[in-house]
Amino acid sequence: MNKEIPLYGDLLIDILIEDFFLESSAGRLYIDTCKQHGWPFIIDHITVRCLDINRRAEVFLKKGYLYQGEMIEYKDQGWWAKIYRKAGFPPLFVDQAYEDAKEAIIPAWVKKFGEDILHHVAVLVADIDKTVDALLKNGVVFSGEVVGARGSRLRQIFTAAELRDGSAFTVLELTERNDYDGFYPEQANRLMESSTGASKAPSTPS
């Protein structure tokens, strides 16, 4: 397993990523699918859920990650996030709920699973529709449709959540980028919502 997962030479980041794929059946099926088709295995970004972004990010700042002003906010939905970057490493997406948010997804997840694991890993794919089709054939289930129009600068989809003790645990994200390295605010919340919904197969691309 270790030889198949992209590693970065930093113990903290490498353990977080390795532990995710050890726990994620969709992640392991993605590895198998990449080998089957000869596709490169590239991590697009990693995501940490927490109760306090600035406090949780301290350990990553000490590892050389930088915050350069990238932030998304969903006041109506009750959560927000900061993006941290380090050259040669996958971007780090750290999110939390607003303190006054009611029935927010993130704090309930953190209270159950903690802050020391990744909620999801996003893998970079060349053609998201082709990749979804291949993964469906290998038994992967998705939580909804691809978010983002075909040909747009960013397209994403979550696999159905892994379950732990009957609760949605972690998900694998597929990300297709077209000359764009940011995050669409409107898409991030749609993905957040899909991570807790009932799983289903996406519609067949037209």
Protein backbone atom coordinates (compact mmCIF):
# COMPACT_ATOMS: atom_id res chain seq x y z
CA MET A 1 0.00 0.00 0.00
CA ASN A 2 2.70 2.51 0.98
CA LYS A 3 4.44 2.29 -2.41
CA GLU A 4 1.19 3.09 -4.24
CA ILE A 5 0.20 6.19 -2.27
CA PRO A 6 1.87 9.53 -3.13
CA LEU A 7 4.07 10.53 -0.20
CA TYR A 8 5.79 13.85 0.45
CA GLY A 9 8.57 13.22 2.94
CA ASP A 10 6.82 14.87 5.86
CA LEU A 11 5.75 12.43 8.57
CA LEU A 12 2.59 14.30 9.58
CA ILE A 13 1.22 14.70 6.05
CA ASP A 14 2.24 11.20 4.97
CA ILE A 15 0.59 9.53 7.97
CA LEU A 16 -2.63 11.49 7.46
CA ILE A 17 -2.79 10.42 3.82
CA GLU A 18 -1.79 6.80 4.44
CA ASP A 19 -4.33 6.44 7.26
CA PHE A 20 -7.06 7.83 5.01
CA PHE A 21 -6.45 5.26 2.28
CA LEU A 22 -6.19 2.43 4.79
CA GLU A 23 -9.68 3.36 6.02
CA SER A 24 -11.26 4.18 2.65
CA SER A 25 -12.54 1.33 0.52
CA ALA A 26 -13.28 3.83 -2.29
CA GLY A 27 -9.71 5.07 -2.02
CA ARG A 28 -8.30 1.57 -2.37
CA LEU A 29 -10.58 0.88 -5.35
CA TYR A 30 -9.36 4.11 -6.91
CA ILE A 31 -5.76 2.91 -6.54
CA ASP A 32 -6.69 -0.37 -8.22
CA THR A 33 -8.49 1.47 -11.03
CA CYS A 34 -5.46 3.71 -11.65
CA LYS A 35 -3.25 0.64 -11.97
CA GLN A 36 -5.79 -1.06 -14.22
CA HIS A 37 -5.91 1.88 -16.65
CA GLY A 38 -2.36 3.17 -16.23
CA TRP A 39 -3.57 6.49 -14.83
CA PRO A 40 -1.29 8.68 -12.66
CA PHE A 41 -2.24 8.87 -8.99
CA ILE A 42 -2.13 12.57 -8.03
CA ILE A 43 -3.56 14.10 -4.86
CA ASP A 44 -5.31 17.41 -5.51
CA HIS A 45 -5.95 18.52 -1.91
CA ILE A 46 -6.62 17.21 1.59
CA THR A 47 -9.30 18.36 4.02
CA VAL A 48 -9.35 18.65 7.80
CA ARG A 49 -12.49 19.37 9.82
CA CYS A 50 -12.08 21.11 13.16
CA LEU A 51 -13.70 23.33 15.78
CA ASP A 52 -11.16 26.18 15.43
CA ILE A 53 -9.32 26.69 12.13
CA ASN A 54 -6.59 28.97 13.42
CA ARG A 55 -5.72 26.67 16.31
CA ARG A 56 -5.82 23.50 14.19
CA ALA A 57 -3.70 25.09 11.45
CA GLU A 58 -0.83 25.92 13.81
CA VAL A 59 0.86 22.53 13.37
CA PHE A 60 0.67 22.86 9.57
CA LEU A 61 2.08 26.39 9.65
CA LYS A 62 5.05 25.01 11.58
CA LYS A 63 5.46 22.48 8.75
CA GLY A 64 5.80 25.27 6.18
CA TYR A 65 2.22 25.67 4.99
CA LEU A 66 1.15 29.27 4.40
CA TYR A 67 -2.19 31.04 4.48
CA GLN A 68 -2.35 33.52 1.61
CA GLY A 69 -5.85 34.92 1.98
CA GLU A 70 -7.87 32.10 0.40
CA MET A 71 -11.09 31.72 2.36
CA ILE A 72 -14.65 30.69 1.61
CA GLU A 73 -17.68 31.48 3.74
CA TYR A 74 -21.20 30.04 3.94
CA LYS A 75 -22.88 32.07 6.64
CA ASP A 76 -26.35 30.82 5.75
CA GLN A 77 -25.15 27.21 5.81
CA GLY A 78 -23.13 27.73 8.99
CA TRP A 79 -19.53 27.02 7.98
CA TRP A 80 -16.36 28.53 6.54
CA ALA A 81 -12.86 27.41 5.48
CA LYS A 82 -9.30 28.56 4.86
CA ILE A 83 -6.93 27.10 2.27
CA TYR A 84 -3.25 26.66 3.17
CA ARG A 85 -0.53 25.93 0.61
CA LYS A 86 3.04 24.64 0.59
CA ALA A 87 5.16 24.14 -2.53
CA GLY A 88 5.36 20.48 -3.49
CA PHE A 89 2.54 19.47 -1.14
CA PRO A 90 -1.20 19.12 -1.65
CA PRO A 91 -3.19 22.21 -0.62
CA LEU A 92 -4.81 21.91 2.80
CA PHE A 93 -8.51 22.80 3.12
CA VAL A 94 -9.43 23.43 6.79
CA ASP A 95 -13.06 24.05 7.72
CA GLN A 96 -15.17 24.72 10.79
CA ALA A 97 -18.69 25.83 11.72
CA TYR A 98 -19.57 29.32 12.90
CA GLU A 99 -19.93 29.41 16.66
CA ASP A 100 -23.62 30.30 16.45
CA ALA A 101 -24.45 27.76 13.73
CA LYS A 102 -27.36 25.48 14.54
CA GLU A 103 -27.41 21.83 13.49
CA ALA A 104 -24.13 22.32 11.60
CA ILE A 105 -22.55 19.28 9.92
CA ILE A 106 -18.93 19.93 10.90
CA PRO A 107 -19.02 20.09 14.73
CA ALA A 108 -21.15 16.94 14.94
CA TRP A 109 -18.60 15.13 12.75
CA VAL A 110 -15.64 16.46 14.76
CA LYS A 111 -17.19 15.50 18.09
CA LYS A 112 -17.65 11.95 16.81
CA PHE A 113 -14.38 11.41 14.93
CA GLY A 114 -11.95 14.09 16.12
CA GLU A 115 -9.65 16.55 14.35
CA ASP A 116 -6.61 14.34 13.80
CA ILE A 117 -7.80 12.60 10.63
CA LEU A 118 -8.69 13.73 7.14
CA HIS A 119 -12.36 14.11 6.30
CA HIS A 120 -11.54 13.63 2.63
CA VAL A 121 -8.76 13.42 0.10
CA ALA A 122 -9.31 14.78 -3.41
CA VAL A 123 -7.54 13.08 -6.30
CA LEU A 124 -6.83 14.90 -9.55
CA VAL A 125 -8.27 13.25 -12.66
CA ALA A 126 -7.95 14.11 -16.34
CA ASP A 127 -11.54 13.21 -17.30
CA ILE A 128 -14.01 13.01 -14.43
CA ASP A 129 -16.79 11.37 -16.45
CA LYS A 130 -14.47 8.63 -17.70
CA THR A 131 -13.09 8.11 -14.18
CA VAL A 132 -16.57 7.91 -12.61
CA ASP A 133 -17.60 5.32 -15.20
CA ALA A 134 -14.51 3.19 -14.52
CA LEU A 135 -15.00 3.39 -10.75
CA LEU A 136 -18.68 2.48 -11.01
CA LYS A 137 -17.66 -0.66 -12.92
CA ASN A 138 -15.23 -1.47 -10.07
CA GLY A 139 -17.92 -1.12 -7.41
CA VAL A 140 -17.48 2.45 -6.16
CA VAL A 141 -20.71 4.24 -5.17
CA PHE A 142 -21.12 8.02 -5.42
CA SER A 143 -23.14 10.40 -3.26
CA GLY A 144 -24.57 12.46 -6.11
CA GLU A 145 -23.85 14.02 -9.48
CA VAL A 146 -20.68 15.66 -10.79
CA VAL A 147 -20.69 19.30 -9.65
CA GLY A 148 -19.60 21.69 -12.39
CA ALA A 149 -20.52 21.80 -16.07
CA ARG A 150 -18.54 19.81 -18.61
CA GLY A 151 -15.63 21.93 -19.85
CA SER A 152 -15.76 24.32 -16.89
CA ARG A 153 -12.63 25.17 -14.92
CA LEU A 154 -13.46 22.91 -11.94
CA ARG A 155 -15.56 19.73 -11.71
CA GLN A 156 -15.90 17.58 -8.58
CA ILE A 157 -17.76 14.63 -7.11
CA PHE A 158 -17.74 12.77 -3.78
CA THR A 159 -17.96 9.04 -3.35
CA ALA A 160 -20.57 7.78 -0.89
CA ALA A 161 -19.35 8.24 2.67
CA GLU A 162 -17.58 5.41 4.41
CA LEU A 163 -19.63 4.50 7.47
CA ARG A 164 -18.29 4.12 10.99
CA ASP A 165 -20.67 3.19 13.81
CA GLY A 166 -23.53 3.98 11.47
CA SER A 167 -22.40 7.56 10.76
CA ALA A 168 -20.95 9.17 7.62
CA PHE A 169 -17.17 9.10 8.11
CA THR A 170 -14.82 9.89 5.20
CA VAL A 171 -15.22 10.36 1.46
CA LEU A 172 -12.98 10.34 -1.61
CA GLU A 173 -13.30 13.30 -3.96
CA LEU A 174 -12.57 13.28 -7.69
CA THR A 175 -11.42 16.65 -9.04
CA GLU A 176 -11.03 17.68 -12.67
CA ARG A 177 -9.27 21.01 -13.22
CA ASN A 178 -8.90 23.02 -16.40
CA ASP A 179 -6.25 25.73 -15.94
CA TYR A 180 -7.55 26.60 -12.48
CA ASP A 181 -6.13 25.88 -9.01
CA GLY A 182 -8.73 27.52 -6.76
CA PHE A 183 -12.02 26.47 -5.18
CA TYR A 184 -15.50 27.51 -6.29
CA PRO A 185 -17.39 28.70 -3.21
CA GLU A 186 -20.77 27.63 -4.62
CA GLN A 187 -19.47 24.16 -5.39
CA ALA A 188 -17.87 23.58 -2.01
CA ASN A 189 -21.18 23.78 -0.19
CA ARG A 190 -22.93 21.48 -2.67
CA LEU A 191 -20.16 18.93 -2.05
CA MET A 192 -20.47 19.42 1.71
CA GLU A 193 -24.18 18.62 1.52
CA SER A 194 -23.65 15.61 -0.72
CA SER A 195 -21.22 14.05 1.79
CA THR A 196 -24.06 13.39 4.20
CA GLY A 197 -26.80 12.35 1.77
CA ALA A 198 -27.96 8.99 0.53
CA SER A 199 -25.61 7.39 -1.96
CA LYS A 200 -26.63 6.87 -5.57
CA ALA A 201 -25.11 6.26 -8.97
CA PRO A 202 -24.61 9.41 -11.06
CA SER A 203 -26.60 9.78 -14.24
CA THR A 204 -24.86 8.48 -17.34
CA PRO A 205 -23.00 11.41 -18.98
CA SER A 206 -24.62 12.51 -22.25
